[in-house]
Amino acid sequence: MDKSKTPKALMEPVRISIVEDDPEFQEWLLAELSEAPRYQCIGRHQTAEDALAHIPKAAPDIVIMDLGLELSDINGIECMLRLKIVSPELKFMVITGQPDDDRVFEALKVGAGAYLQKSDIPKKMIELLDEFQRGGAPMSAGIATKVIASFHQQPTELVQVQQLSPRERAVLDLLAKGYLYKEIADRLPNENDPTRTISEGTVKIHAHNIYHKLQVNNRTEAIRKYLRR
């Protein structure tokens, strides 16, 4: 075959970054990847802060993300959010310990294309990566069960979110993406004068109204309801 006509995807390995604070599991992942030349580990990070500093520049094809990240001040969900803001094309494969319901839906909402429990993947890592790279969405059986069960719940949270005004939804969407009140104010035009933006105080009023309508007490609870809608 003429190499000049070979698609780039067939010539170059898939570039992978690992965000995992367990050194033993990180080493296991690296060993698995070394067995498959079609995959190349270009970065390993034990903290979210280190991942945020290096992954956007490295531009991997896939990020293998742990959610706990106990060595970080930022958890895996927020790390994914911040990476998505600066690198929307990133693909995330979440691999974690015992997931709770909130984390499952938050991770899927912010961009996880695969969600696996560590106990489910021994000796199958390359197969799972192959499936993910082909466009599949590998998911542990326990995670899939949680997702299916969510469709049978009362639609209370969906109804509550639907009660929000378009401006309140815009504020909540930016909150879910990790923006601060001041940053949100700078991004939303004043409804009476589109040439100006709204004030931080106005954002706080919208946030108060959002919390009231969603029957929550803070930003984290509001985002969780929003992501599960």
Protein backbone atom coordinates (compact mmCIF):
# COMPACT_ATOMS: atom_id res chain seq x y z
CA MET A 1 0.00 0.00 0.00
CA ASP A 2 1.19 3.51 -0.83
CA LYS A 3 1.85 5.08 2.60
CA SER A 4 1.06 8.50 1.19
CA LYS A 5 -2.54 7.31 0.75
CA THR A 6 -2.86 5.59 4.10
CA PRO A 7 -5.34 7.36 6.39
CA LYS A 8 -3.65 9.08 9.32
CA ALA A 9 -5.81 7.10 11.78
CA LEU A 10 -4.28 3.87 10.42
CA MET A 11 -0.68 5.11 10.50
CA GLU A 12 -0.47 6.65 13.96
CA PRO A 13 -1.27 5.11 17.34
CA VAL A 14 -4.21 6.36 19.39
CA ARG A 15 -2.80 8.83 21.93
CA ILE A 16 -3.93 8.29 25.52
CA SER A 17 -3.55 10.25 28.75
CA ILE A 18 -4.19 8.62 32.13
CA VAL A 19 -5.57 10.50 35.15
CA GLU A 20 -5.35 8.07 38.07
CA ASP A 21 -4.10 8.52 41.64
CA ASP A 22 -3.54 4.83 42.38
CA PRO A 23 0.09 4.15 41.32
CA GLU A 24 -0.44 0.38 41.02
CA PHE A 25 -3.51 0.72 38.81
CA GLN A 26 -1.75 3.37 36.77
CA GLU A 27 1.18 1.00 36.20
CA TRP A 28 -1.22 -1.78 35.23
CA LEU A 29 -2.86 0.47 32.65
CA LEU A 30 0.54 1.41 31.24
CA ALA A 31 1.53 -2.26 30.99
CA GLU A 32 -1.70 -3.09 29.16
CA LEU A 33 -1.19 -0.25 26.69
CA SER A 34 2.41 -1.33 26.04
CA GLU A 35 1.07 -4.67 24.76
CA ALA A 36 -0.86 -2.96 21.94
CA PRO A 37 1.23 -0.81 19.54
CA ARG A 38 -1.94 0.81 18.25
CA TYR A 39 -2.18 2.69 21.56
CA GLN A 40 0.38 5.10 23.00
CA CYS A 41 0.38 6.58 26.51
CA ILE A 42 1.52 10.20 26.18
CA GLY A 43 0.92 11.30 29.77
CA ARG A 44 0.22 10.04 33.29
CA HIS A 45 -1.25 12.29 35.97
CA GLN A 46 -1.98 11.57 39.63
CA THR A 47 -3.86 14.83 40.28
CA ALA A 48 -6.54 16.80 38.48
CA GLU A 49 -4.39 19.90 38.73
CA ASP A 50 -1.54 18.23 36.84
CA ALA A 51 -3.98 16.90 34.23
CA LEU A 52 -5.49 20.36 33.68
CA ALA A 53 -2.01 21.84 33.24
CA HIS A 54 -0.81 19.33 30.63
CA ILE A 55 -3.65 17.54 28.82
CA PRO A 56 -4.90 20.50 26.73
CA LYS A 57 -1.39 20.97 25.30
CA ALA A 58 -0.80 17.25 24.78
CA ALA A 59 -4.13 16.85 22.93
CA PRO A 60 -4.67 13.10 23.47
CA ASP A 61 -7.34 11.18 21.59
CA ILE A 62 -8.67 9.52 24.77
CA VAL A 63 -8.42 10.40 28.46
CA ILE A 64 -8.75 7.50 30.91
CA MET A 65 -10.20 9.26 33.98
CA ASP A 66 -10.56 8.20 37.58
CA LEU A 67 -13.24 10.17 39.48
CA GLY A 68 -12.03 9.99 43.09
CA LEU A 69 -8.61 11.64 42.75
CA GLU A 70 -8.09 11.84 46.51
CA LEU A 71 -4.73 13.58 46.07
CA SER A 72 -6.45 16.53 44.36
CA ASP A 73 -8.56 19.46 45.48
CA ILE A 74 -10.58 18.91 42.30
CA ASN A 75 -12.49 15.69 41.68
CA GLY A 76 -12.71 13.86 38.37
CA ILE A 77 -16.10 15.33 37.45
CA GLU A 78 -14.88 18.91 37.71
CA CYS A 79 -11.63 17.99 35.96
CA MET A 80 -13.63 16.62 33.02
CA LEU A 81 -15.78 19.76 32.94
CA ARG A 82 -12.78 22.06 32.83
CA LEU A 83 -11.03 19.99 30.17
CA LYS A 84 -14.18 19.94 28.04
CA ILE A 85 -14.39 23.73 28.18
CA VAL A 86 -10.90 24.17 26.67
CA SER A 87 -10.80 20.94 24.61
CA PRO A 88 -14.37 19.99 23.60
CA GLU A 89 -13.16 17.22 21.31
CA LEU A 90 -11.68 15.13 24.14
CA LYS A 91 -13.08 11.62 24.64
CA PHE A 92 -13.30 10.34 28.22
CA MET A 93 -13.28 6.74 29.41
CA VAL A 94 -14.14 6.75 33.12
CA ILE A 95 -12.68 3.89 35.16
CA THR A 96 -13.40 4.05 38.87
CA GLY A 97 -14.07 2.04 42.03
CA GLN A 98 -17.55 1.80 43.52
CA PRO A 99 -19.56 4.55 41.81
CA ASP A 100 -22.56 6.25 43.41
CA ASP A 101 -25.62 7.24 41.41
CA ASP A 102 -24.81 10.95 41.40
CA ARG A 103 -21.35 10.42 39.99
CA VAL A 104 -22.58 8.06 37.29
CA PHE A 105 -25.01 10.57 35.83
CA GLU A 106 -22.76 13.57 36.33
CA ALA A 107 -19.90 11.81 34.52
CA LEU A 108 -22.12 10.78 31.60
CA LYS A 109 -23.60 14.24 31.37
CA VAL A 110 -20.30 16.08 31.26
CA GLY A 111 -18.83 13.89 28.56
CA ALA A 112 -17.90 10.36 29.64
CA GLY A 113 -18.28 8.11 26.62
CA ALA A 114 -17.56 4.95 28.61
CA TYR A 115 -18.01 4.16 32.30
CA LEU A 116 -16.37 1.12 33.84
CA GLN A 117 -15.74 -0.24 37.32
CA LYS A 118 -12.17 -1.33 37.95
CA SER A 119 -13.32 -4.75 39.12
CA ASP A 120 -14.90 -5.42 35.71
CA ILE A 121 -11.90 -4.89 33.45
CA PRO A 122 -9.09 -7.37 34.31
CA LYS A 123 -7.38 -8.57 31.11
CA LYS A 124 -9.95 -6.77 28.92
CA MET A 125 -8.54 -3.24 28.73
CA ILE A 126 -7.44 -3.32 25.11
CA GLU A 127 -10.73 -4.92 24.01
CA LEU A 128 -12.64 -2.15 25.78
CA LEU A 129 -10.46 0.54 24.22
CA ASP A 130 -10.96 -1.02 20.79
CA GLU A 131 -14.73 -0.94 21.29
CA PHE A 132 -14.61 2.67 22.49
CA GLN A 133 -12.39 3.73 19.59
CA ARG A 134 -14.85 2.13 17.14
CA GLY A 135 -17.61 4.37 18.48
CA GLY A 136 -19.01 2.04 21.12
CA ALA A 137 -19.82 2.99 24.71
CA PRO A 138 -18.46 0.28 27.03
CA MET A 139 -20.32 0.25 30.32
CA SER A 140 -20.15 -2.06 33.33
CA ALA A 141 -23.31 -4.07 33.95
CA GLY A 142 -23.93 -2.34 37.29
CA ILE A 143 -23.65 1.08 35.65
CA ALA A 144 -25.99 0.11 32.82
CA THR A 145 -28.53 -1.06 35.41
CA LYS A 146 -28.41 2.35 37.13
CA VAL A 147 -28.93 4.14 33.83
CA ILE A 148 -31.92 1.98 32.86
CA ALA A 149 -33.45 2.34 36.34
CA SER A 150 -33.28 6.12 36.03
CA PHE A 151 -35.81 6.00 33.19
CA HIS A 152 -38.35 4.41 35.52
CA GLN A 153 -38.15 7.10 38.20
CA GLN A 154 -40.78 9.75 38.74
CA PRO A 155 -40.00 12.74 36.46
CA THR A 156 -40.03 15.21 39.38
CA GLU A 157 -36.57 16.62 38.63
CA LEU A 158 -37.38 17.02 34.94
CA VAL A 159 -40.55 18.96 35.80
CA GLN A 160 -38.61 21.19 38.21
CA VAL A 161 -35.96 21.99 35.59
CA GLN A 162 -38.69 22.79 33.05
CA GLN A 163 -40.00 25.45 35.43
CA LEU A 164 -36.80 27.46 35.03
CA SER A 165 -36.86 30.49 32.75
CA PRO A 166 -34.56 30.53 29.68
CA ARG A 167 -32.18 32.90 31.49
CA GLU A 168 -32.15 30.69 34.61
CA ARG A 169 -31.37 27.66 32.44
CA ALA A 170 -28.52 29.56 30.82
CA VAL A 171 -27.09 30.41 34.25
CA LEU A 172 -27.48 26.83 35.48
CA ASP A 173 -25.87 25.45 32.33
CA LEU A 174 -22.81 27.64 32.90
CA LEU A 175 -22.73 26.69 36.59
CA ALA A 176 -22.71 23.03 35.52
CA LYS A 177 -19.74 23.75 33.25
CA GLY A 178 -17.73 25.06 36.18
CA TYR A 179 -17.97 28.82 35.65
CA LEU A 180 -17.95 31.21 38.64
CA TYR A 181 -20.62 33.90 39.14
CA LYS A 182 -18.35 36.65 37.78
CA GLU A 183 -17.47 34.57 34.72
CA ILE A 184 -21.15 33.85 34.07
CA ALA A 185 -21.97 37.57 34.35
CA ASP A 186 -19.35 38.36 31.70
CA ARG A 187 -20.89 35.82 29.30
CA LEU A 188 -24.58 36.73 29.46
CA PRO A 189 -25.93 39.85 27.70
CA ASN A 190 -28.19 42.29 29.51
CA GLU A 191 -31.75 41.67 28.30
CA ASN A 192 -32.50 45.41 28.25
CA ASP A 193 -29.21 46.40 26.61
CA PRO A 194 -27.58 43.57 24.59
CA THR A 195 -24.40 45.63 24.22
CA ARG A 196 -23.75 45.16 27.94
CA THR A 197 -23.44 42.10 30.16
CA ILE A 198 -25.29 41.42 33.38
CA SER A 199 -23.86 42.03 36.84
CA GLU A 200 -22.54 39.43 39.26
CA GLY A 201 -25.36 40.45 41.62
CA THR A 202 -27.93 39.57 38.94
CA VAL A 203 -26.33 36.15 38.53
CA LYS A 204 -26.65 35.59 42.29
CA ILE A 205 -30.35 36.52 42.13
CA HIS A 206 -30.86 34.03 39.30
CA ALA A 207 -28.98 31.38 41.31
CA HIS A 208 -31.22 32.01 44.34
CA ASN A 209 -34.32 31.59 42.15
CA ILE A 210 -32.88 28.40 40.64
CA TYR A 211 -32.25 26.90 44.08
CA HIS A 212 -35.80 27.78 45.15
CA LYS A 213 -37.45 26.24 42.06
CA LEU A 214 -35.32 23.09 42.22
CA GLN A 215 -35.83 22.83 46.00
CA VAL A 216 -32.10 22.64 46.73
CA ASN A 217 -29.74 24.50 49.05
CA ASN A 218 -26.61 25.05 46.99
CA ARG A 219 -24.85 24.96 43.62
CA THR A 220 -23.78 21.31 43.88
CA GLU A 221 -27.32 20.03 44.53
CA ALA A 222 -28.69 22.21 41.71
CA ILE A 223 -26.11 20.89 39.23
CA ARG A 224 -26.86 17.29 40.21
CA LYS A 225 -30.58 17.77 39.53
CA TYR A 226 -29.80 19.51 36.27
CA LEU A 227 -27.43 16.78 35.08
CA ARG A 228 -29.96 14.04 35.90
CA ARG A 229 -32.89 15.71 34.13
